[in-house]
Amino acid sequence: MRRLDFLPGSQSPRDASLTPQEAFAGILLVTVAGDGEASSEQTAAFVAVSNRIQLLKHQTTAEFNAMMEKLFGILDRQGPDALLERSSAVLPPELRETAFAVAVDLFADHAVEAKKRKMVTALQQRLGVASDLAVKIVEVLSIKNRGS
């Protein structure tokens, strides 16, 4: 996934602190683009989730594009760890488990390979999701996506 997959124009990203909406989207962005690779399916899933999540779905196209420009700026300049750290620090506690589940669902469509396992562990730790709950979430999403 490249910035151009989302944004038609190029604006200078801001380094201001993140809003809860940006934090939620930042966690999802790290999930699909943090390693520099994202399939067209992952890109489509990211957009679909963004349109479905109550926190994000009421944004205008301009607001969504500005948010993505800001998040890609952080990702490009500071890397996925910095974006995950900044996002998890701002995300309200009541959204942490939800963000974890949605992020895991973005790449739970196949067996969780070693690279993805590391991401799941990093997300779980950064978001403070209890280990037993994280295991349940991964198991349920693996079952959900078996037929995909």
Protein backbone atom coordinates (compact mmCIF):
# COMPACT_ATOMS: atom_id res chain seq x y z
CA MET A 1 0.00 0.00 0.00
CA ARG A 2 1.39 3.33 -0.95
CA ARG A 3 0.20 6.76 0.00
CA LEU A 4 -1.23 7.17 -3.51
CA ASP A 5 -3.55 4.24 -2.93
CA PHE A 6 -5.52 6.54 -0.63
CA LEU A 7 -4.69 10.08 -1.57
CA PRO A 8 -5.01 11.84 -4.89
CA GLY A 9 -2.99 14.85 -3.82
CA SER A 10 0.12 15.47 -1.82
CA GLN A 11 0.02 17.62 1.26
CA SER A 12 2.57 18.23 3.94
CA PRO A 13 1.77 15.99 6.93
CA ARG A 14 1.44 17.54 10.36
CA ASP A 15 3.17 16.31 13.47
CA ALA A 16 0.51 17.48 15.91
CA SER A 17 -0.76 15.03 18.47
CA LEU A 18 -3.25 12.48 17.25
CA THR A 19 -6.98 12.51 17.82
CA PRO A 20 -8.72 9.29 18.93
CA GLN A 21 -9.94 8.81 15.34
CA GLU A 22 -6.42 9.20 13.98
CA ALA A 23 -5.07 6.87 16.68
CA PHE A 24 -7.58 4.14 15.76
CA ALA A 25 -6.80 4.52 12.05
CA GLY A 26 -3.07 4.65 12.83
CA ILE A 27 -3.23 1.25 14.49
CA LEU A 28 -5.06 -0.17 11.48
CA LEU A 29 -2.57 1.45 9.10
CA VAL A 30 0.40 -0.09 10.92
CA THR A 31 -1.37 -3.43 10.63
CA VAL A 32 -1.75 -3.28 6.85
CA ALA A 33 1.21 -1.13 5.78
CA GLY A 34 3.71 -1.23 8.63
CA ASP A 35 6.01 -3.66 6.85
CA GLY A 36 5.89 -1.69 3.61
CA GLU A 37 3.75 -4.32 1.92
CA ALA A 38 -0.02 -4.46 1.61
CA SER A 39 -2.11 -6.44 -0.81
CA SER A 40 -4.98 -4.90 -2.70
CA GLU A 41 -7.24 -7.03 -0.48
CA GLN A 42 -5.73 -5.47 2.66
CA THR A 43 -6.11 -1.98 1.20
CA ALA A 44 -9.75 -2.66 0.33
CA ALA A 45 -10.33 -4.15 3.79
CA PHE A 46 -8.78 -1.08 5.43
CA VAL A 47 -11.10 1.25 3.52
CA ALA A 48 -14.14 -0.96 4.20
CA VAL A 49 -13.37 -1.07 7.93
CA SER A 50 -12.86 2.70 7.99
CA ASN A 51 -16.27 3.15 6.44
CA ARG A 52 -17.89 0.79 8.95
CA ILE A 53 -16.30 1.84 12.25
CA GLN A 54 -18.51 4.37 14.02
CA LEU A 55 -15.49 6.43 15.04
CA LEU A 56 -14.39 6.93 11.42
CA LYS A 57 -17.39 6.50 9.14
CA HIS A 58 -18.76 10.01 9.45
CA GLN A 59 -15.63 11.67 8.10
CA THR A 60 -15.83 13.49 4.82
CA THR A 61 -13.49 12.45 2.04
CA ALA A 62 -11.37 15.55 2.72
CA GLU A 63 -11.15 14.72 6.44
CA PHE A 64 -10.25 11.10 5.70
CA ASN A 65 -7.57 12.15 3.20
CA ALA A 66 -6.09 14.69 5.64
CA MET A 67 -6.00 12.06 8.37
CA MET A 68 -4.32 9.53 6.09
CA GLU A 69 -1.77 12.09 4.92
CA LYS A 70 -0.89 12.81 8.54
CA LEU A 71 -0.63 9.12 9.43
CA PHE A 72 1.41 8.26 6.34
CA GLY A 73 3.71 11.17 7.18
CA ILE A 74 4.42 9.68 10.60
CA LEU A 75 4.78 6.20 9.11
CA ASP A 76 7.16 7.42 6.40
CA ARG A 77 9.33 9.63 8.61
CA GLN A 78 9.30 7.82 11.94
CA GLY A 79 8.38 4.24 11.07
CA PRO A 80 5.68 1.79 12.14
CA ASP A 81 6.86 1.51 15.76
CA ALA A 82 6.54 5.26 16.27
CA LEU A 83 3.08 5.33 14.69
CA LEU A 84 1.97 2.40 16.84
CA GLU A 85 3.41 4.01 19.96
CA ARG A 86 1.81 7.40 19.28
CA SER A 87 -1.52 5.83 18.35
CA SER A 88 -1.69 3.52 21.35
CA ALA A 89 -0.78 6.36 23.72
CA VAL A 90 -3.77 8.43 22.55
CA LEU A 91 -6.37 5.72 22.01
CA PRO A 92 -8.98 5.79 24.81
CA PRO A 93 -8.95 2.68 27.04
CA GLU A 94 -12.48 1.71 25.99
CA LEU A 95 -11.34 1.41 22.36
CA ARG A 96 -8.14 -0.60 22.88
CA GLU A 97 -9.67 -4.07 22.73
CA THR A 98 -11.81 -3.03 19.77
CA ALA A 99 -8.79 -1.66 17.89
CA PHE A 100 -6.90 -4.88 18.61
CA ALA A 101 -9.75 -7.06 17.31
CA VAL A 102 -10.27 -4.97 14.17
CA ALA A 103 -6.53 -4.87 13.45
CA VAL A 104 -6.16 -8.62 13.89
CA ASP A 105 -9.17 -9.17 11.64
CA LEU A 106 -7.44 -7.24 8.86
CA PHE A 107 -4.81 -9.96 8.57
CA ALA A 108 -6.53 -12.98 10.07
CA ASP A 109 -7.72 -14.20 6.69
CA HIS A 110 -5.02 -16.87 6.54
CA ALA A 111 -2.92 -18.75 9.04
CA VAL A 112 -1.01 -16.36 11.25
CA GLU A 113 2.56 -16.61 10.04
CA ALA A 114 5.60 -15.66 12.13
CA LYS A 115 5.75 -12.07 10.88
CA LYS A 116 2.08 -11.53 11.66
CA ARG A 117 2.46 -13.21 15.06
CA LYS A 118 5.04 -10.59 15.96
CA MET A 119 2.62 -7.84 14.94
CA VAL A 120 -0.21 -9.38 16.97
CA THR A 121 2.07 -9.57 20.01
CA ALA A 122 3.24 -5.98 19.55
CA LEU A 123 -0.35 -4.75 19.19
CA GLN A 124 -1.49 -6.74 22.22
CA GLN A 125 1.32 -5.37 24.37
CA ARG A 126 1.05 -1.74 23.21
CA LEU A 127 -2.70 -1.70 23.65
CA GLY A 128 -2.60 -3.48 26.99
CA VAL A 129 -4.95 -6.26 25.92
CA ALA A 130 -4.89 -9.16 28.39
CA SER A 131 -3.15 -12.25 26.99
CA ASP A 132 -6.13 -14.56 27.52
CA LEU A 133 -8.44 -12.13 25.73
CA ALA A 134 -5.95 -11.66 22.89
CA VAL A 135 -5.78 -15.43 22.36
CA LYS A 136 -9.59 -15.65 22.29
CA ILE A 137 -9.84 -12.80 19.79
CA VAL A 138 -7.25 -14.40 17.48
CA GLU A 139 -8.97 -17.79 17.74
CA VAL A 140 -12.44 -16.40 17.00
CA LEU A 141 -11.20 -14.32 14.05
CA SER A 142 -9.32 -17.31 12.64
CA ILE A 143 -12.55 -19.32 12.79
CA LYS A 144 -14.51 -16.41 11.27
CA ASN A 145 -12.12 -16.13 8.35
CA ARG A 146 -11.61 -19.82 7.65
CA GLY A 147 -14.00 -19.88 4.72
CA SER A 148 -12.72 -16.64 3.18
